[in-house]
Amino acid sequence: MKVDLSLAIGGPQGSGIETAGRIAIRDFALKGFEVLGNRECHSNIGAYSYYYIRAGKTPYVFLLMLKVFLHT
C-alpha cells in the first residue's frame, strides 16, 4: 500500500515548532517511513515559522520529495 503524508506545523517563534517537528520526524522514522523535514523561519522577532514534513513508505517517494524540496 502506497502511503505519502504531508504535515505542516506552524506558530509564533518560541512556541515549540522545532520540538514538535523533530518529534514528528522521529516518530515517522520509527514507524518505518522515509522522512524529510524543512523548517522555514523568519528573521523578524515574533514572526511565525513553519515546519514542513513529508513522509512516505517507499524509498523512491523520498527521492521525489527531496527533489521537490530542493526545487530541482
C-alpha atoms as a PDB file:
ATOM      1  CA  MET A   1       0.000   0.000   0.000  1.00  0.00           C
ATOM      2  CA  LYS A   2       1.389   3.394  -1.007  1.00  0.00           C
ATOM      3  CA  VAL A   3       1.489   5.920   1.805  1.00  0.00           C
ATOM      4  CA  ASP A   4       2.539   9.538   1.253  1.00  0.00           C
ATOM      5  CA  LEU A   5       1.922  12.084   4.006  1.00  0.00           C
ATOM      6  CA  SER A   6       2.403  15.840   4.234  1.00  0.00           C
ATOM      7  CA  LEU A   7       2.362  17.731   7.512  1.00  0.00           C
ATOM      8  CA  ALA A   8       2.820  21.427   8.301  1.00  0.00           C
ATOM      9  CA  ILE A   9       3.348  22.697  11.836  1.00  0.00           C
ATOM     10  CA  GLY A  10       3.232  26.456  12.349  1.00  0.00           C
ATOM     11  CA  GLY A  11       3.097  29.090  15.047  1.00  0.00           C
ATOM     12  CA  PRO A  12       4.890  32.050  16.570  1.00  0.00           C
ATOM     13  CA  GLN A  13       8.600  31.691  17.095  1.00  0.00           C
ATOM     14  CA  GLY A  14       9.447  30.328  20.510  1.00  0.00           C
ATOM     15  CA  SER A  15       6.275  28.258  20.781  1.00  0.00           C
ATOM     16  CA  GLY A  16       7.891  24.842  20.253  1.00  0.00           C
ATOM     17  CA  ILE A  17       7.691  24.462  16.466  1.00  0.00           C
ATOM     18  CA  GLU A  18      11.197  22.967  16.261  1.00  0.00           C
ATOM     19  CA  THR A  19      10.484  20.483  19.062  1.00  0.00           C
ATOM     20  CA  ALA A  20       7.142  19.413  17.606  1.00  0.00           C
ATOM     21  CA  GLY A  21       8.718  18.958  14.167  1.00  0.00           C
ATOM     22  CA  ARG A  22      11.576  16.850  15.484  1.00  0.00           C
ATOM     23  CA  ILE A  23       9.215  14.661  17.496  1.00  0.00           C
ATOM     24  CA  ALA A  24       7.003  14.090  14.446  1.00  0.00           C
ATOM     25  CA  ILE A  25      10.012  13.262  12.241  1.00  0.00           C
ATOM     26  CA  ARG A  26      11.385  10.828  14.816  1.00  0.00           C
ATOM     27  CA  ASP A  27       8.025   9.113  15.237  1.00  0.00           C
ATOM     28  CA  PHE A  28       7.519   8.736  11.467  1.00  0.00           C
ATOM     29  CA  ALA A  29      11.040   7.314  11.109  1.00  0.00           C
ATOM     30  CA  LEU A  30      10.471   4.836  13.956  1.00  0.00           C
ATOM     31  CA  LYS A  31       7.314   3.639  12.157  1.00  0.00           C
ATOM     32  CA  GLY A  32       9.386   2.873   9.042  1.00  0.00           C
ATOM     33  CA  PHE A  33       8.680   5.956   6.925  1.00  0.00           C
ATOM     34  CA  GLU A  34      11.237   7.738   4.778  1.00  0.00           C
ATOM     35  CA  VAL A  35      11.043  11.284   6.187  1.00  0.00           C
ATOM     36  CA  LEU A  36      12.116  14.744   5.047  1.00  0.00           C
ATOM     37  CA  GLY A  37      11.656  17.874   7.155  1.00  0.00           C
ATOM     38  CA  ASN A  38      12.207  21.515   6.285  1.00  0.00           C
ATOM     39  CA  ARG A  39      11.963  24.387   8.752  1.00  0.00           C
ATOM     40  CA  GLU A  40      11.082  27.834   7.494  1.00  0.00           C
ATOM     41  CA  CYS A  41      11.975  30.554   9.959  1.00  0.00           C
ATOM     42  CA  HIS A  42      11.900  34.307   9.634  1.00  0.00           C
ATOM     43  CA  SER A  43      14.383  36.841  10.955  1.00  0.00           C
ATOM     44  CA  ASN A  44      11.634  39.043  12.397  1.00  0.00           C
ATOM     45  CA  ILE A  45      11.105  38.732  16.136  1.00  0.00           C
ATOM     46  CA  GLY A  46       7.606  37.481  16.854  1.00  0.00           C
ATOM     47  CA  ALA A  47       7.025  36.297  13.291  1.00  0.00           C
ATOM     48  CA  TYR A  48       5.509  32.914  12.521  1.00  0.00           C
ATOM     49  CA  SER A  49       7.662  29.971  11.497  1.00  0.00           C
ATOM     50  CA  TYR A  50       6.690  26.675   9.901  1.00  0.00           C
ATOM     51  CA  TYR A  51       7.999  23.109   9.843  1.00  0.00           C
ATOM     52  CA  TYR A  52       7.069  21.128   6.721  1.00  0.00           C
ATOM     53  CA  ILE A  53       7.314  17.337   6.878  1.00  0.00           C
ATOM     54  CA  ARG A  54       6.883  14.772   4.093  1.00  0.00           C
ATOM     55  CA  ALA A  55       6.832  11.051   4.801  1.00  0.00           C
ATOM     56  CA  GLY A  56       6.482   8.033   2.518  1.00  0.00           C
ATOM     57  CA  LYS A  57       6.767   4.253   2.770  1.00  0.00           C
ATOM     58  CA  THR A  58       8.868   3.638  -0.354  1.00  0.00           C
ATOM     59  CA  PRO A  59      12.413   4.976  -0.893  1.00  0.00           C
ATOM     60  CA  TYR A  60      11.634   6.394  -4.336  1.00  0.00           C
ATOM     61  CA  VAL A  61       8.959   8.597  -2.763  1.00  0.00           C
ATOM     62  CA  PHE A  62      11.669  10.046  -0.534  1.00  0.00           C
ATOM     63  CA  LEU A  63      13.817  10.880  -3.560  1.00  0.00           C
ATOM     64  CA  LEU A  64      10.871  12.580  -5.243  1.00  0.00           C
ATOM     65  CA  MET A  65      10.173  14.558  -2.068  1.00  0.00           C
ATOM     66  CA  LEU A  66      13.814  15.630  -1.885  1.00  0.00           C
ATOM     67  CA  LYS A  67      13.620  16.821  -5.470  1.00  0.00           C
ATOM     68  CA  VAL A  68      10.510  18.868  -4.663  1.00  0.00           C
ATOM     69  CA  PHE A  69      12.108  20.436  -1.574  1.00  0.00           C
ATOM     70  CA  LEU A  70      15.288  21.335  -3.474  1.00  0.00           C
ATOM     71  CA  HIS A  71      13.284  22.638  -6.467  1.00  0.00           C
ATOM     72  CA  THR A  72      15.457  20.792  -8.996  1.00  0.00           C
END
